[in-house]
């Protein structure tokens, strides 16, 4: 069995809310996700591809947060 460093594996997050479409052609969706490791912590991220409420994402990095849509 291979031991994988937590930084390499990523952090699980669940989509709480879809905030809207962004990008020059609307190909990116802005979502609010709840970090599964730290209950109650939620951040805003940009996601490429289809996504809906309840989906699970694996975030490689959780320190940065996307700017809100205007």
C-alpha atoms as a PDB file:
ATOM      1  CA  UNK A   1       0.000   0.000   0.000  1.00  0.00           C
ATOM      2  CA  UNK A   2       1.386   3.366  -1.033  1.00  0.00           C
ATOM      3  CA  UNK A   3       1.473   6.284   1.407  1.00  0.00           C
ATOM      4  CA  UNK A   4       0.371   9.539  -0.244  1.00  0.00           C
ATOM      5  CA  UNK A   5       1.177  12.947   1.226  1.00  0.00           C
ATOM      6  CA  UNK A   6      -1.955  15.004   2.024  1.00  0.00           C
ATOM      7  CA  UNK A   7      -0.623  17.938  -0.047  1.00  0.00           C
ATOM      8  CA  UNK A   8      -0.400  15.697  -3.125  1.00  0.00           C
ATOM      9  CA  UNK A   9      -3.798  14.067  -2.602  1.00  0.00           C
ATOM     10  CA  UNK A  10      -5.857  17.259  -2.256  1.00  0.00           C
ATOM     11  CA  UNK A  11      -8.695  18.233   0.047  1.00  0.00           C
ATOM     12  CA  UNK A  12     -12.314  17.148  -0.361  1.00  0.00           C
ATOM     13  CA  UNK A  13     -14.997  19.813  -0.645  1.00  0.00           C
ATOM     14  CA  UNK A  14     -18.765  19.716  -1.266  1.00  0.00           C
ATOM     15  CA  UNK A  15     -20.569  22.270  -3.457  1.00  0.00           C
ATOM     16  CA  UNK A  16     -23.058  24.230  -1.307  1.00  0.00           C
ATOM     17  CA  UNK A  17     -24.241  26.839  -3.805  1.00  0.00           C
ATOM     18  CA  UNK A  18     -23.778  27.726  -7.480  1.00  0.00           C
ATOM     19  CA  UNK A  19     -23.183  31.494  -7.642  1.00  0.00           C
ATOM     20  CA  UNK A  20     -23.088  32.034 -11.408  1.00  0.00           C
ATOM     21  CA  UNK A  21     -21.170  31.781 -14.664  1.00  0.00           C
ATOM     22  CA  UNK A  22     -17.974  33.682 -15.364  1.00  0.00           C
ATOM     23  CA  UNK A  23     -15.204  33.771 -17.943  1.00  0.00           C
ATOM     24  CA  UNK A  24     -15.207  35.447 -21.326  1.00  0.00           C
ATOM     25  CA  UNK A  25     -17.572  32.812 -22.759  1.00  0.00           C
ATOM     26  CA  UNK A  26     -19.227  31.579 -19.581  1.00  0.00           C
ATOM     27  CA  UNK A  27     -17.162  28.396 -19.477  1.00  0.00           C
ATOM     28  CA  UNK A  28     -16.389  28.708 -15.769  1.00  0.00           C
ATOM     29  CA  UNK A  29     -18.856  28.366 -12.886  1.00  0.00           C
ATOM     30  CA  UNK A  30     -18.338  30.151  -9.586  1.00  0.00           C
ATOM     31  CA  UNK A  31     -19.375  28.021  -6.590  1.00  0.00           C
ATOM     32  CA  UNK A  32     -19.291  28.143  -2.801  1.00  0.00           C
ATOM     33  CA  UNK A  33     -17.786  24.957  -1.368  1.00  0.00           C
ATOM     34  CA  UNK A  34     -17.569  23.620   2.178  1.00  0.00           C
ATOM     35  CA  UNK A  35     -14.216  22.077   3.105  1.00  0.00           C
ATOM     36  CA  UNK A  36     -14.883  18.568   4.448  1.00  0.00           C
ATOM     37  CA  UNK A  37     -11.796  18.428   6.699  1.00  0.00           C
ATOM     38  CA  UNK A  38     -12.695  21.662   8.511  1.00  0.00           C
ATOM     39  CA  UNK A  39     -16.425  21.717   9.248  1.00  0.00           C
ATOM     40  CA  UNK A  40     -18.027  25.090   8.784  1.00  0.00           C
ATOM     41  CA  UNK A  41     -15.280  26.560   6.570  1.00  0.00           C
ATOM     42  CA  UNK A  42     -16.531  27.530   3.129  1.00  0.00           C
ATOM     43  CA  UNK A  43     -14.744  29.317   0.291  1.00  0.00           C
ATOM     44  CA  UNK A  44     -15.618  30.519  -3.210  1.00  0.00           C
ATOM     45  CA  UNK A  45     -13.913  28.764  -6.122  1.00  0.00           C
ATOM     46  CA  UNK A  46     -14.082  28.791  -9.915  1.00  0.00           C
ATOM     47  CA  UNK A  47     -14.838  25.413 -11.501  1.00  0.00           C
ATOM     48  CA  UNK A  48     -14.442  24.459 -15.147  1.00  0.00           C
ATOM     49  CA  UNK A  49     -16.945  21.989 -16.515  1.00  0.00           C
ATOM     50  CA  UNK A  50     -20.395  20.883 -15.371  1.00  0.00           C
ATOM     51  CA  UNK A  51     -21.091  21.211 -11.641  1.00  0.00           C
ATOM     52  CA  UNK A  52     -24.195  21.239  -9.438  1.00  0.00           C
ATOM     53  CA  UNK A  53     -25.100  21.500  -5.760  1.00  0.00           C
ATOM     54  CA  UNK A  54     -24.015  18.422  -3.808  1.00  0.00           C
ATOM     55  CA  UNK A  55     -21.076  17.521  -6.055  1.00  0.00           C
ATOM     56  CA  UNK A  56     -17.783  16.588  -4.408  1.00  0.00           C
ATOM     57  CA  UNK A  57     -14.590  18.291  -5.564  1.00  0.00           C
ATOM     58  CA  UNK A  58     -10.952  17.591  -4.770  1.00  0.00           C
ATOM     59  CA  UNK A  59      -9.118  20.882  -4.270  1.00  0.00           C
ATOM     60  CA  UNK A  60      -5.355  20.810  -4.674  1.00  0.00           C
ATOM     61  CA  UNK A  61      -5.080  24.156  -2.898  1.00  0.00           C
ATOM     62  CA  UNK A  62      -7.440  25.753  -0.345  1.00  0.00           C
ATOM     63  CA  UNK A  63      -5.672  28.970   0.674  1.00  0.00           C
ATOM     64  CA  UNK A  64      -6.698  31.067  -2.336  1.00  0.00           C
ATOM     65  CA  UNK A  65     -10.267  32.202  -2.845  1.00  0.00           C
ATOM     66  CA  UNK A  66     -11.868  33.420  -6.091  1.00  0.00           C
ATOM     67  CA  UNK A  67     -13.036  37.018  -6.384  1.00  0.00           C
ATOM     68  CA  UNK A  68     -16.802  37.472  -6.336  1.00  0.00           C
ATOM     69  CA  UNK A  69     -18.741  38.068  -9.557  1.00  0.00           C
ATOM     70  CA  UNK A  70     -20.100  41.547 -10.186  1.00  0.00           C
END
